[in-house]
C-alpha atoms as a PDB file:
ATOM      1  CA  MET A   1     -39.226 -57.067  66.853  1.00  0.00           C
ATOM      2  CA  VAL A   2     -37.222 -59.029  64.147  1.00  0.00           C
ATOM      3  CA  ARG A   3     -39.159 -59.287  60.884  1.00  0.00           C
ATOM      4  CA  THR A   4     -39.344 -62.576  59.431  1.00  0.00           C
ATOM      5  CA  LYS A   5     -38.095 -62.649  55.714  1.00  0.00           C
ATOM      6  CA  ALA A   6     -40.899 -63.185  53.470  1.00  0.00           C
ATOM      7  CA  PRO A   7     -40.269 -65.478  50.287  1.00  0.00           C
ATOM      8  CA  GLU A   8     -40.859 -62.366  47.942  1.00  0.00           C
ATOM      9  CA  ASP A   9     -37.867 -60.799  49.593  1.00  0.00           C
ATOM     10  CA  GLY A  10     -35.501 -62.871  47.765  1.00  0.00           C
ATOM     11  CA  TYR A  11     -36.905 -61.873  44.408  1.00  0.00           C
ATOM     12  CA  THR A  12     -36.465 -65.347  42.582  1.00  0.00           C
ATOM     13  CA  ALA A  13     -39.222 -67.730  41.799  1.00  0.00           C
ATOM     14  CA  GLU A  14     -36.488 -70.695  41.906  1.00  0.00           C
ATOM     15  CA  PRO A  15     -37.996 -72.245  44.969  1.00  0.00           C
ATOM     16  CA  PHE A  16     -41.349 -72.498  43.608  1.00  0.00           C
ATOM     17  CA  VAL A  17     -40.535 -74.176  40.199  1.00  0.00           C
ATOM     18  CA  PRO A  18     -41.088 -77.934  40.340  1.00  0.00           C
ATOM     19  CA  GLU A  19     -38.292 -79.966  38.792  1.00  0.00           C
ATOM     20  CA  ARG A  20     -40.654 -82.246  36.724  1.00  0.00           C
ATOM     21  CA  GLY A  21     -44.254 -82.795  35.569  1.00  0.00           C
ATOM     22  CA  GLY A  22     -44.306 -80.694  32.409  1.00  0.00           C
ATOM     23  CA  LEU A  23     -46.716 -77.592  31.786  1.00  0.00           C
ATOM     24  CA  THR A  24     -49.572 -79.055  34.116  1.00  0.00           C
ATOM     25  CA  ALA A  25     -47.234 -79.202  36.990  1.00  0.00           C
ATOM     26  CA  LEU A  26     -45.627 -75.785  36.306  1.00  0.00           C
ATOM     27  CA  ARG A  27     -49.051 -74.106  35.890  1.00  0.00           C
ATOM     28  CA  ARG A  28     -50.363 -75.677  39.058  1.00  0.00           C
ATOM     29  CA  ALA A  29     -47.048 -74.683  40.980  1.00  0.00           C
ATOM     30  CA  ALA A  30     -47.149 -71.113  39.691  1.00  0.00           C
ATOM     31  CA  VAL A  31     -50.687 -70.500  41.423  1.00  0.00           C
ATOM     32  CA  ASP A  32     -48.725 -70.152  44.687  1.00  0.00           C
ATOM     33  CA  CYS A  33     -45.732 -68.323  43.600  1.00  0.00           C
ATOM     34  CA  ARG A  34     -44.357 -65.655  45.932  1.00  0.00           C
ATOM     35  CA  GLY A  35     -41.094 -65.071  44.124  1.00  0.00           C
ATOM     36  CA  CYS A  36     -41.509 -61.206  44.263  1.00  0.00           C
ATOM     37  CA  PRO A  37     -43.900 -58.789  45.666  1.00  0.00           C
ATOM     38  CA  LEU A  38     -46.134 -58.512  42.663  1.00  0.00           C
ATOM     39  CA  HIS A  39     -48.371 -61.473  43.955  1.00  0.00           C
ATOM     40  CA  ARG A  40     -49.709 -59.281  46.682  1.00  0.00           C
ATOM     41  CA  ASP A  41     -51.922 -57.011  44.487  1.00  0.00           C
ATOM     42  CA  ALA A  42     -52.642 -59.175  41.557  1.00  0.00           C
ATOM     43  CA  THR A  43     -55.762 -61.128  41.337  1.00  0.00           C
ATOM     44  CA  GLN A  44     -54.075 -64.485  40.407  1.00  0.00           C
ATOM     45  CA  THR A  45     -50.896 -65.900  38.437  1.00  0.00           C
ATOM     46  CA  VAL A  46     -51.307 -65.904  34.809  1.00  0.00           C
ATOM     47  CA  PHE A  47     -49.350 -68.563  33.361  1.00  0.00           C
ATOM     48  CA  GLY A  48     -48.629 -69.426  29.674  1.00  0.00           C
ATOM     49  CA  ALA A  49     -51.150 -71.182  27.538  1.00  0.00           C
ATOM     50  CA  GLY A  50     -51.189 -72.842  24.403  1.00  0.00           C
ATOM     51  CA  ASN A  51     -49.916 -76.012  22.458  1.00  0.00           C
ATOM     52  CA  LYS A  52     -47.253 -77.828  24.512  1.00  0.00           C
ATOM     53  CA  ASP A  53     -45.579 -78.881  21.200  1.00  0.00           C
ATOM     54  CA  ALA A  54     -45.807 -75.470  19.687  1.00  0.00           C
ATOM     55  CA  ARG A  55     -43.009 -74.595  17.097  1.00  0.00           C
ATOM     56  CA  VAL A  56     -43.527 -70.986  18.008  1.00  0.00           C
ATOM     57  CA  MET A  57     -43.444 -69.431  21.542  1.00  0.00           C
ATOM     58  CA  LEU A  58     -44.641 -65.798  21.734  1.00  0.00           C
ATOM     59  CA  VAL A  59     -43.369 -64.032  24.757  1.00  0.00           C
ATOM     60  CA  GLY A  60     -45.067 -60.623  26.057  1.00  0.00           C
ATOM     61  CA  GLU A  61     -44.413 -58.496  28.991  1.00  0.00           C
ATOM     62  CA  GLN A  62     -47.007 -59.148  31.589  1.00  0.00           C
ATOM     63  CA  PRO A  63     -50.726 -59.898  32.188  1.00  0.00           C
ATOM     64  CA  GLY A  64     -53.040 -56.946  31.446  1.00  0.00           C
ATOM     65  CA  ASP A  65     -56.167 -55.990  33.376  1.00  0.00           C
ATOM     66  CA  GLN A  66     -58.518 -58.607  31.465  1.00  0.00           C
ATOM     67  CA  GLU A  67     -55.723 -61.406  31.851  1.00  0.00           C
ATOM     68  CA  ASP A  68     -55.413 -60.788  35.600  1.00  0.00           C
ATOM     69  CA  ARG A  69     -59.240 -61.082  35.966  1.00  0.00           C
ATOM     70  CA  GLN A  70     -59.628 -64.116  33.715  1.00  0.00           C
ATOM     71  CA  GLY A  71     -56.297 -65.896  34.394  1.00  0.00           C
ATOM     72  CA  LYS A  72     -55.158 -66.349  30.937  1.00  0.00           C
ATOM     73  CA  PRO A  73     -52.506 -64.630  28.747  1.00  0.00           C
ATOM     74  CA  PHE A  74     -53.630 -62.458  25.790  1.00  0.00           C
ATOM     75  CA  VAL A  75     -57.214 -62.588  26.041  1.00  0.00           C
ATOM     76  CA  GLY A  76     -57.874 -58.742  26.114  1.00  0.00           C
ATOM     77  CA  PRO A  77     -57.892 -56.205  23.083  1.00  0.00           C
ATOM     78  CA  ALA A  78     -54.066 -56.817  22.381  1.00  0.00           C
ATOM     79  CA  GLY A  79     -54.497 -60.651  22.409  1.00  0.00           C
ATOM     80  CA  LYS A  80     -57.230 -60.277  19.867  1.00  0.00           C
ATOM     81  CA  LEU A  81     -55.002 -58.033  17.591  1.00  0.00           C
ATOM     82  CA  LEU A  82     -52.262 -60.407  17.990  1.00  0.00           C
ATOM     83  CA  ASP A  83     -54.534 -63.471  16.911  1.00  0.00           C
ATOM     84  CA  ARG A  84     -55.588 -61.536  13.812  1.00  0.00           C
ATOM     85  CA  ALA A  85     -51.857 -60.444  12.833  1.00  0.00           C
ATOM     86  CA  LEU A  86     -50.615 -63.829  13.276  1.00  0.00           C
ATOM     87  CA  THR A  87     -53.318 -65.401  10.986  1.00  0.00           C
ATOM     88  CA  GLU A  88     -52.703 -62.720   8.356  1.00  0.00           C
ATOM     89  CA  ALA A  89     -48.878 -63.582   8.478  1.00  0.00           C
ATOM     90  CA  GLY A  90     -49.812 -67.454   8.198  1.00  0.00           C
ATOM     91  CA  ILE A  91     -49.088 -68.549  11.748  1.00  0.00           C
ATOM     92  CA  ASP A  92     -51.992 -70.374  13.616  1.00  0.00           C
ATOM     93  CA  PRO A  93     -52.595 -68.765  16.821  1.00  0.00           C
ATOM     94  CA  SER A  94     -53.895 -72.193  18.036  1.00  0.00           C
ATOM     95  CA  GLU A  95     -50.624 -73.934  17.251  1.00  0.00           C
ATOM     96  CA  ALA A  96     -48.560 -71.291  19.129  1.00  0.00           C
ATOM     97  CA  TYR A  97     -47.684 -71.002  22.771  1.00  0.00           C
ATOM     98  CA  VAL A  98     -48.201 -67.652  24.469  1.00  0.00           C
ATOM     99  CA  THR A  99     -46.765 -66.401  27.805  1.00  0.00           C
ATOM    100  CA  ASN A 100     -45.215 -63.365  29.499  1.00  0.00           C
ATOM    101  CA  ALA A 101     -41.987 -62.481  31.061  1.00  0.00           C
ATOM    102  CA  VAL A 102     -43.852 -61.648  34.183  1.00  0.00           C
ATOM    103  CA  LYS A 103     -46.679 -63.816  35.497  1.00  0.00           C
ATOM    104  CA  HIS A 104     -48.550 -61.087  37.726  1.00  0.00           C
ATOM    105  CA  PHE A 105     -50.206 -57.912  36.676  1.00  0.00           C
ATOM    106  CA  LYS A 106     -48.484 -54.908  37.986  1.00  0.00           C
ATOM    107  CA  PHE A 107     -50.456 -51.782  38.000  1.00  0.00           C
ATOM    108  CA  THR A 108     -51.361 -48.365  39.583  1.00  0.00           C
ATOM    109  CA  GLN A 109     -54.809 -47.413  40.936  1.00  0.00           C
ATOM    110  CA  ALA A 110     -55.801 -43.870  41.966  1.00  0.00           C
ATOM    111  CA  GLU A 111     -58.376 -45.248  44.455  1.00  0.00           C
ATOM    112  CA  PRO A 112     -60.441 -48.374  44.606  1.00  0.00           C
ATOM    113  CA  ARG A 113     -62.899 -49.047  41.800  1.00  0.00           C
ATOM    114  CA  LYS A 114     -60.873 -46.773  39.678  1.00  0.00           C
ATOM    115  CA  ARG A 115     -59.409 -48.180  36.531  1.00  0.00           C
ATOM    116  CA  ARG A 116     -56.187 -49.993  37.183  1.00  0.00           C
ATOM    117  CA  ILE A 117     -53.361 -48.800  35.062  1.00  0.00           C
ATOM    118  CA  HIS A 118     -50.550 -50.953  33.635  1.00  0.00           C
ATOM    119  CA  LYS A 119     -47.093 -50.328  35.158  1.00  0.00           C
ATOM    120  CA  ALA A 120     -44.010 -51.535  33.550  1.00  0.00           C
ATOM    121  CA  PRO A 121     -42.135 -54.242  35.669  1.00  0.00           C
ATOM    122  CA  THR A 122     -38.752 -53.815  36.757  1.00  0.00           C
ATOM    123  CA  LEU A 123     -35.669 -55.402  35.727  1.00  0.00           C
ATOM    124  CA  ARG A 124     -35.512 -57.273  39.175  1.00  0.00           C
ATOM    125  CA  GLU A 125     -38.930 -58.345  38.961  1.00  0.00           C
ATOM    126  CA  MET A 126     -38.398 -59.654  35.462  1.00  0.00           C
ATOM    127  CA  THR A 127     -35.338 -61.671  36.711  1.00  0.00           C
ATOM    128  CA  ALA A 128     -37.225 -62.917  39.549  1.00  0.00           C
ATOM    129  CA  CYS A 129     -39.826 -64.463  37.329  1.00  0.00           C
ATOM    130  CA  GLY A 130     -37.020 -65.738  34.881  1.00  0.00           C
ATOM    131  CA  PRO A 131     -37.274 -69.265  36.217  1.00  0.00           C
ATOM    132  CA  TRP A 132     -40.782 -69.775  35.079  1.00  0.00           C
ATOM    133  CA  LEU A 133     -39.934 -68.591  31.573  1.00  0.00           C
ATOM    134  CA  ALA A 134     -36.757 -70.965  31.587  1.00  0.00           C
ATOM    135  CA  ALA A 135     -39.065 -73.847  32.696  1.00  0.00           C
ATOM    136  CA  GLU A 136     -41.602 -73.131  29.912  1.00  0.00           C
ATOM    137  CA  LEU A 137     -38.873 -72.986  27.272  1.00  0.00           C
ATOM    138  CA  ALA A 138     -37.379 -76.228  28.397  1.00  0.00           C
ATOM    139  CA  VAL A 139     -40.789 -77.907  28.126  1.00  0.00           C
ATOM    140  CA  VAL A 140     -42.250 -76.619  24.782  1.00  0.00           C
ATOM    141  CA  GLU A 141     -38.528 -76.440  23.013  1.00  0.00           C
ATOM    142  CA  PRO A 142     -39.941 -74.170  20.440  1.00  0.00           C
ATOM    143  CA  GLU A 143     -37.950 -73.557  17.097  1.00  0.00           C
ATOM    144  CA  LEU A 144     -38.506 -69.870  17.391  1.00  0.00           C
ATOM    145  CA  ILE A 145     -39.452 -67.277  19.676  1.00  0.00           C
ATOM    146  CA  VAL A 146     -41.229 -64.318  18.926  1.00  0.00           C
ATOM    147  CA  VAL A 147     -40.426 -61.215  21.355  1.00  0.00           C
ATOM    148  CA  LEU A 148     -43.426 -58.988  21.900  1.00  0.00           C
ATOM    149  CA  GLY A 149     -41.949 -55.543  23.115  1.00  0.00           C
ATOM    150  CA  ALA A 150     -39.004 -53.863  24.866  1.00  0.00           C
ATOM    151  CA  THR A 151     -39.689 -55.515  28.025  1.00  0.00           C
ATOM    152  CA  ALA A 152     -39.891 -59.055  26.897  1.00  0.00           C
ATOM    153  CA  GLY A 153     -36.707 -58.215  25.014  1.00  0.00           C
ATOM    154  CA  LYS A 154     -34.974 -57.021  28.128  1.00  0.00           C
ATOM    155  CA  ALA A 155     -36.126 -60.025  30.100  1.00  0.00           C
ATOM    156  CA  LEU A 156     -34.735 -62.403  27.483  1.00  0.00           C
ATOM    157  CA  LEU A 157     -31.680 -60.628  26.032  1.00  0.00           C
ATOM    158  CA  GLY A 158     -30.783 -57.900  28.623  1.00  0.00           C
ATOM    159  CA  SER A 159     -31.260 -54.376  29.689  1.00  0.00           C
ATOM    160  CA  SER A 160     -29.488 -53.061  26.291  1.00  0.00           C
ATOM    161  CA  PHE A 161     -32.227 -54.625  24.126  1.00  0.00           C
ATOM    162  CA  ARG A 162     -33.940 -52.095  21.955  1.00  0.00           C
ATOM    163  CA  VAL A 163     -36.827 -53.299  19.914  1.00  0.00           C
ATOM    164  CA  THR A 164     -36.534 -50.497  17.306  1.00  0.00           C
ATOM    165  CA  GLN A 165     -33.179 -51.516  16.431  1.00  0.00           C
ATOM    166  CA  VAL A 166     -33.727 -55.440  15.832  1.00  0.00           C
ATOM    167  CA  ARG A 167     -37.409 -55.715  15.142  1.00  0.00           C
ATOM    168  CA  GLY A 168     -38.334 -58.021  12.059  1.00  0.00           C
ATOM    169  CA  THR A 169     -34.883 -59.815  12.129  1.00  0.00           C
ATOM    170  CA  VAL A 170     -34.027 -63.244  13.146  1.00  0.00           C
ATOM    171  CA  LEU A 171     -31.509 -63.220  16.095  1.00  0.00           C
ATOM    172  CA  GLU A 172     -29.732 -66.362  17.380  1.00  0.00           C
ATOM    173  CA  GLU A 173     -29.006 -66.027  21.149  1.00  0.00           C
ATOM    174  CA  GLU A 174     -28.338 -68.506  24.263  1.00  0.00           C
ATOM    175  CA  ILE A 175     -31.415 -67.926  26.297  1.00  0.00           C
ATOM    176  CA  HIS A 176     -31.440 -69.762  29.859  1.00  0.00           C
ATOM    177  CA  GLY A 177     -28.918 -72.062  28.490  1.00  0.00           C
ATOM    178  CA  ARG A 178     -30.538 -73.037  25.210  1.00  0.00           C
ATOM    179  CA  ALA A 179     -29.501 -71.915  21.771  1.00  0.00           C
ATOM    180  CA  GLU A 180     -32.556 -69.864  20.371  1.00  0.00           C
ATOM    181  CA  ARG A 181     -33.854 -68.132  17.464  1.00  0.00           C
ATOM    182  CA  LEU A 182     -35.886 -64.944  18.115  1.00  0.00           C
ATOM    183  CA  VAL A 183     -37.900 -62.529  16.067  1.00  0.00           C
ATOM    184  CA  PRO A 184     -38.405 -59.329  18.165  1.00  0.00           C
ATOM    185  CA  THR A 185     -41.550 -57.202  17.396  1.00  0.00           C
ATOM    186  CA  VAL A 186     -43.544 -54.571  19.090  1.00  0.00           C
ATOM    187  CA  HIS A 187     -46.231 -55.500  21.609  1.00  0.00           C
ATOM    188  CA  PRO A 188     -49.531 -55.487  20.217  1.00  0.00           C
ATOM    189  CA  SER A 189     -50.691 -53.075  22.986  1.00  0.00           C
ATOM    190  CA  ALA A 190     -48.349 -50.512  21.261  1.00  0.00           C
ATOM    191  CA  VAL A 191     -50.261 -50.887  18.138  1.00  0.00           C
ATOM    192  CA  LEU A 192     -53.574 -50.151  19.872  1.00  0.00           C
ATOM    193  CA  ARG A 193     -51.873 -47.132  21.326  1.00  0.00           C
ATOM    194  CA  ALA A 194     -50.504 -45.801  17.946  1.00  0.00           C
ATOM    195  CA  ASP A 195     -51.523 -42.513  16.391  1.00  0.00           C
ATOM    196  CA  ASP A 196     -51.378 -44.360  13.065  1.00  0.00           C
ATOM    197  CA  ARG A 197     -52.943 -47.745  14.258  1.00  0.00           C
ATOM    198  CA  GLU A 198     -53.134 -49.063  10.639  1.00  0.00           C
ATOM    199  CA  ALA A 199     -49.309 -48.492   9.837  1.00  0.00           C
ATOM    200  CA  ALA A 200     -48.393 -49.922  13.153  1.00  0.00           C
ATOM    201  CA  TYR A 201     -50.548 -52.928  12.517  1.00  0.00           C
ATOM    202  CA  ARG A 202     -48.815 -53.308   9.153  1.00  0.00           C
ATOM    203  CA  GLY A 203     -45.429 -53.233  10.780  1.00  0.00           C
ATOM    204  CA  LEU A 204     -46.503 -56.080  13.236  1.00  0.00           C
ATOM    205  CA  VAL A 205     -47.696 -58.185  10.497  1.00  0.00           C
ATOM    206  CA  SER A 206     -44.556 -57.504   8.384  1.00  0.00           C
ATOM    207  CA  ASP A 207     -42.448 -58.690  11.314  1.00  0.00           C
ATOM    208  CA  LEU A 208     -44.736 -61.821  11.962  1.00  0.00           C
ATOM    209  CA  ASP A 209     -44.181 -62.434   8.247  1.00  0.00           C
ATOM    210  CA  VAL A 210     -40.300 -62.734   9.042  1.00  0.00           C
ATOM    211  CA  ALA A 211     -41.241 -65.235  11.780  1.00  0.00           C
ATOM    212  CA  ALA A 212     -43.527 -67.197   9.510  1.00  0.00           C
ATOM    213  CA  ARG A 213     -40.768 -67.528   7.023  1.00  0.00           C
ATOM    214  CA  ALA A 214     -38.315 -68.612   9.712  1.00  0.00           C
ATOM    215  CA  LEU A 215     -40.564 -71.452  10.579  1.00  0.00           C
ATOM    216  CA  SER A 216     -41.203 -72.664   6.990  1.00  0.00           C
END
């Protein structure tokens, strides 16, 4: 018996991305994305959210447990910490656009009803989801991208990206065919996991200060 090839076997979201219609059309189409196998276990697609005319776009890794359940990015503890850090740095969270490099929650689970543990997406999964991020960038056209963590950095800048080497600096790179300015920093969830959480938080705010100055 020959197995019919499923859409996710192609590892690209390209066939699911509409050519026109703005963020509303993109968000609606992303609900049915089968561009990689991650959709099978996730509760739902978690698309980007925020101001369509945002000057700054924040790109994280992937939805977490709360984001997967609620269908919105950065609504869990890491999102609340990020909002606080942005506000302290002088960036209004309500004026930003937030999204993730990967739109489905990837996790491990020892058994049903046990806590779902975040698992980092592979480069192949990030690449598969790239067309959605490219489409978001084309619509929003931000003046600056804040890269939250190593996985988002690899998705945007390639596998050699190291957040510790470039955090808090303004980079100029071509991303999905567009000239972009980027400020990398740690993911807010890394702050929550840090042994010295206050020092880690101050480091995040310091990096976001750089972003705020780049926008001024």
